[in-house]
Protein backbone atom coordinates (compact mmCIF):
# COMPACT_ATOMS: atom_id res chain seq x y z
CA MET A 1 72.06 13.21 40.03
CA LYS A 2 73.38 14.35 43.10
CA ASN A 3 71.89 17.13 44.91
CA THR A 4 75.10 19.47 45.06
CA LYS A 5 73.72 22.60 46.14
CA ASN A 6 75.13 22.38 49.67
CA ALA A 7 77.65 20.78 48.70
CA ARG A 8 80.94 21.12 51.01
CA ILE A 9 83.48 19.76 52.71
CA SER A 10 83.02 18.63 56.31
CA PRO A 11 85.29 20.01 59.39
CA ALA A 12 85.90 16.15 60.10
CA LYS A 13 86.74 15.85 56.68
CA ARG A 14 89.05 18.69 56.24
CA LEU A 15 90.68 17.61 59.60
CA LEU A 16 91.41 14.07 58.02
CA TYR A 17 93.06 16.14 54.94
CA ALA A 18 95.47 18.00 57.31
CA LEU A 19 96.58 14.71 58.99
CA VAL A 20 97.08 13.33 55.59
CA GLY A 21 98.96 16.37 54.65
CA LEU A 22 100.96 15.97 58.20
CA LEU A 23 102.13 12.83 57.51
CA ALA A 24 102.92 13.32 53.76
CA GLY A 25 105.40 16.04 55.02
CA ASP A 26 106.68 13.92 57.96
CA LEU A 27 107.52 10.94 55.65
CA ILE A 28 109.05 13.23 53.02
CA LEU A 29 111.24 14.40 56.16
CA LEU A 30 112.29 11.02 56.69
CA PHE A 31 113.08 10.36 53.31
CA PHE A 32 115.38 13.25 53.12
CA LEU A 33 117.00 12.12 56.30
CA LEU A 34 117.78 8.91 55.21
CA GLN A 35 118.67 9.62 51.93
CA HIS A 36 121.31 12.05 53.44
CA ALA A 37 122.30 9.75 56.28
CA LEU A 38 123.05 7.45 53.38
CA HIS A 39 125.17 9.84 51.38
CA ALA A 40 127.52 10.64 54.20
CA THR A 41 127.71 6.87 54.94
CA ILE A 42 128.43 5.65 51.60
CA LEU A 43 129.68 8.63 49.65
CA ALA A 44 131.63 10.29 52.93
CA GLY A 45 133.05 7.48 54.31
CA GLU A 46 131.10 8.75 58.05
CA PRO A 47 130.16 5.82 60.41
CA ALA A 48 127.04 3.92 59.89
CA ARG A 49 125.56 5.05 63.31
CA SER A 50 124.32 8.17 60.78
CA LEU A 51 121.33 5.80 59.90
CA PRO A 52 120.29 5.31 63.62
CA ASP A 53 120.59 8.83 64.40
CA ALA A 54 118.57 10.29 61.13
CA VAL A 55 115.77 7.75 62.40
CA GLU A 56 116.10 9.26 65.71
CA THR A 57 116.23 13.32 64.95
CA PHE A 58 112.97 12.00 62.69
CA ILE A 59 111.45 10.62 65.66
CA LEU A 60 112.04 13.79 67.93
CA TYR A 61 111.00 16.07 65.10
CA ALA A 62 107.37 14.28 64.13
CA ILE A 63 106.32 14.65 67.97
CA PHE A 64 107.33 18.21 67.44
CA SER A 65 105.45 18.45 64.14
CA VAL A 66 102.85 17.11 65.53
CA VAL A 67 102.34 19.52 68.43
CA GLY A 68 103.00 22.21 66.24
CA TRP A 69 99.93 20.66 63.80
CA ILE A 70 98.05 20.55 66.98
CA LEU A 71 98.25 24.07 67.90
CA ILE A 72 98.14 25.92 64.61
CA GLY A 73 97.81 23.34 61.63
CA LEU A 74 94.08 22.11 63.22
CA PRO A 75 93.12 25.70 64.52
CA ALA A 76 93.75 27.24 60.98
CA THR A 77 91.76 23.67 59.51
CA LEU A 78 89.01 24.59 61.55
CA LEU A 79 88.63 28.62 60.77
CA PHE A 80 89.34 28.93 57.31
CA PRO A 81 86.71 28.04 54.95
CA ALA A 82 87.89 25.32 52.22
CA ARG A 83 86.99 27.59 49.61
CA SER A 84 89.02 30.56 50.49
CA ILE A 85 91.81 27.92 50.69
CA ALA A 86 91.04 25.93 47.74
CA ARG A 87 91.30 29.37 45.64
CA LEU A 88 94.77 30.31 46.45
CA SER A 89 97.18 30.09 43.78
CA TRP A 90 100.21 27.67 43.90
CA PRO A 91 102.71 30.07 44.37
CA ARG A 92 100.59 31.48 46.64
CA ALA A 93 99.73 28.25 48.60
CA LEU A 94 103.36 27.72 48.20
CA ILE A 95 104.20 30.80 50.43
CA VAL A 96 101.61 30.02 52.97
CA GLY A 97 102.75 26.26 53.29
CA ALA A 98 106.31 27.52 53.99
CA ALA A 99 105.63 29.95 56.71
CA VAL A 100 103.16 27.96 58.91
CA GLY A 101 105.97 25.77 59.67
CA PRO A 102 108.21 28.67 61.38
CA ILE A 103 105.01 29.76 63.31
CA ALA A 104 104.43 26.59 64.21
CA LEU A 105 107.82 26.35 65.32
CA LEU A 106 108.45 29.67 67.15
CA VAL A 107 104.85 28.81 69.15
CA ILE A 108 106.29 25.76 70.51
CA PHE A 109 109.35 27.29 71.35
CA ALA A 110 107.67 30.44 73.36
CA LEU A 111 105.57 27.77 75.23
CA LEU A 112 108.54 25.66 76.30
CA SER A 113 110.61 28.66 77.07
CA ARG A 114 107.65 30.54 78.99
CA SER A 115 107.80 33.25 76.05
CA HIS A 116 111.15 33.93 76.27
CA ILE A 117 112.84 33.13 73.15
CA TYR A 118 116.94 33.18 73.36
CA PHE A 119 119.25 31.91 70.42
CA ARG A 120 123.00 32.81 70.50
CA ASP A 121 122.60 32.95 66.45
CA PHE A 122 120.40 32.14 63.60
CA ALA A 123 122.90 29.02 62.87
CA GLU A 124 121.57 27.31 66.35
CA ILE A 125 118.02 26.81 64.78
CA SER A 126 118.66 27.11 60.80
CA THR A 127 118.32 23.42 60.92
CA LEU A 128 115.27 22.91 62.01
CA PHE A 129 113.61 25.95 60.33
CA ALA A 130 114.75 24.25 57.09
CA TYR A 131 113.01 20.79 58.23
CA THR A 132 109.96 22.74 59.18
CA ILE A 133 109.39 24.51 56.15
CA LEU A 134 109.87 21.19 54.14
CA VAL A 135 107.34 19.55 56.39
CA SER A 136 105.22 22.51 56.07
CA THR A 137 105.06 23.11 52.53
CA VAL A 138 104.89 19.76 51.76
CA SER A 139 101.71 19.22 54.11
CA PHE A 140 99.98 22.49 53.04
CA MET A 141 100.61 21.76 49.18
CA VAL A 142 98.88 18.01 49.89
CA TYR A 143 95.79 19.56 52.18
CA LEU A 144 95.54 21.39 49.15
CA ALA A 145 95.27 19.16 46.73
CA LEU A 146 92.91 17.31 48.78
CA LEU A 147 90.24 20.12 48.98
CA ARG A 148 90.61 21.00 45.53
CA LYS A 149 90.06 16.85 44.58
CA GLU A 150 87.19 17.11 46.64
CA MET A 151 85.85 20.18 45.59
CA LYS A 152 86.09 18.91 42.33
CA SER A 153 84.56 15.79 42.61
CA ASN A 154 81.51 17.63 44.53
CA PRO A 155 80.78 21.26 43.11
CA THR A 156 78.00 23.33 44.38
CA ARG A 157 75.39 24.08 41.92
CA SER A 158 76.63 27.77 40.91
CA GLN A 159 80.29 26.39 40.24
CA HIS A 160 78.45 23.53 38.18
CA PHE A 161 76.71 26.20 36.10
CA PHE A 162 79.24 28.44 35.62
CA HIS A 163 81.73 25.77 34.35
CA CYS A 164 79.41 24.32 32.08
CA ALA A 165 78.02 27.46 30.42
């Protein structure tokens, strides 16, 4: 029998799970952009240039998502204990996941513009915020699912006792 008295998820494993979550979120964005480009090319009759544009958009956004993950995701992964994250209900986890992305985007904008963020209107950045919400929500939900799976496979003694009683 394994000694699970002090079983916990190591910081390295949590970082790995967060990176897998980020990759899943970016992959969903790539699928979304390619689907939209294919739809525009096939059904709307736009030129075939929309597929390379979708890939270019993805590459640019993926770079910014990695920067946002380094600025926000990495510290949050190491700062918040895995158990407190794993205890979030699914609706709360969706809200947290959707909120993390725009916060990271605003931090990136603040750093790039030397703390002076100016947009004429929200329409200029609404697509970026939508992409950010998509990527961060999927990333956080994958991270949460991996944490829960790990905690379920390695419960602490007190968790095991209460679940079996």
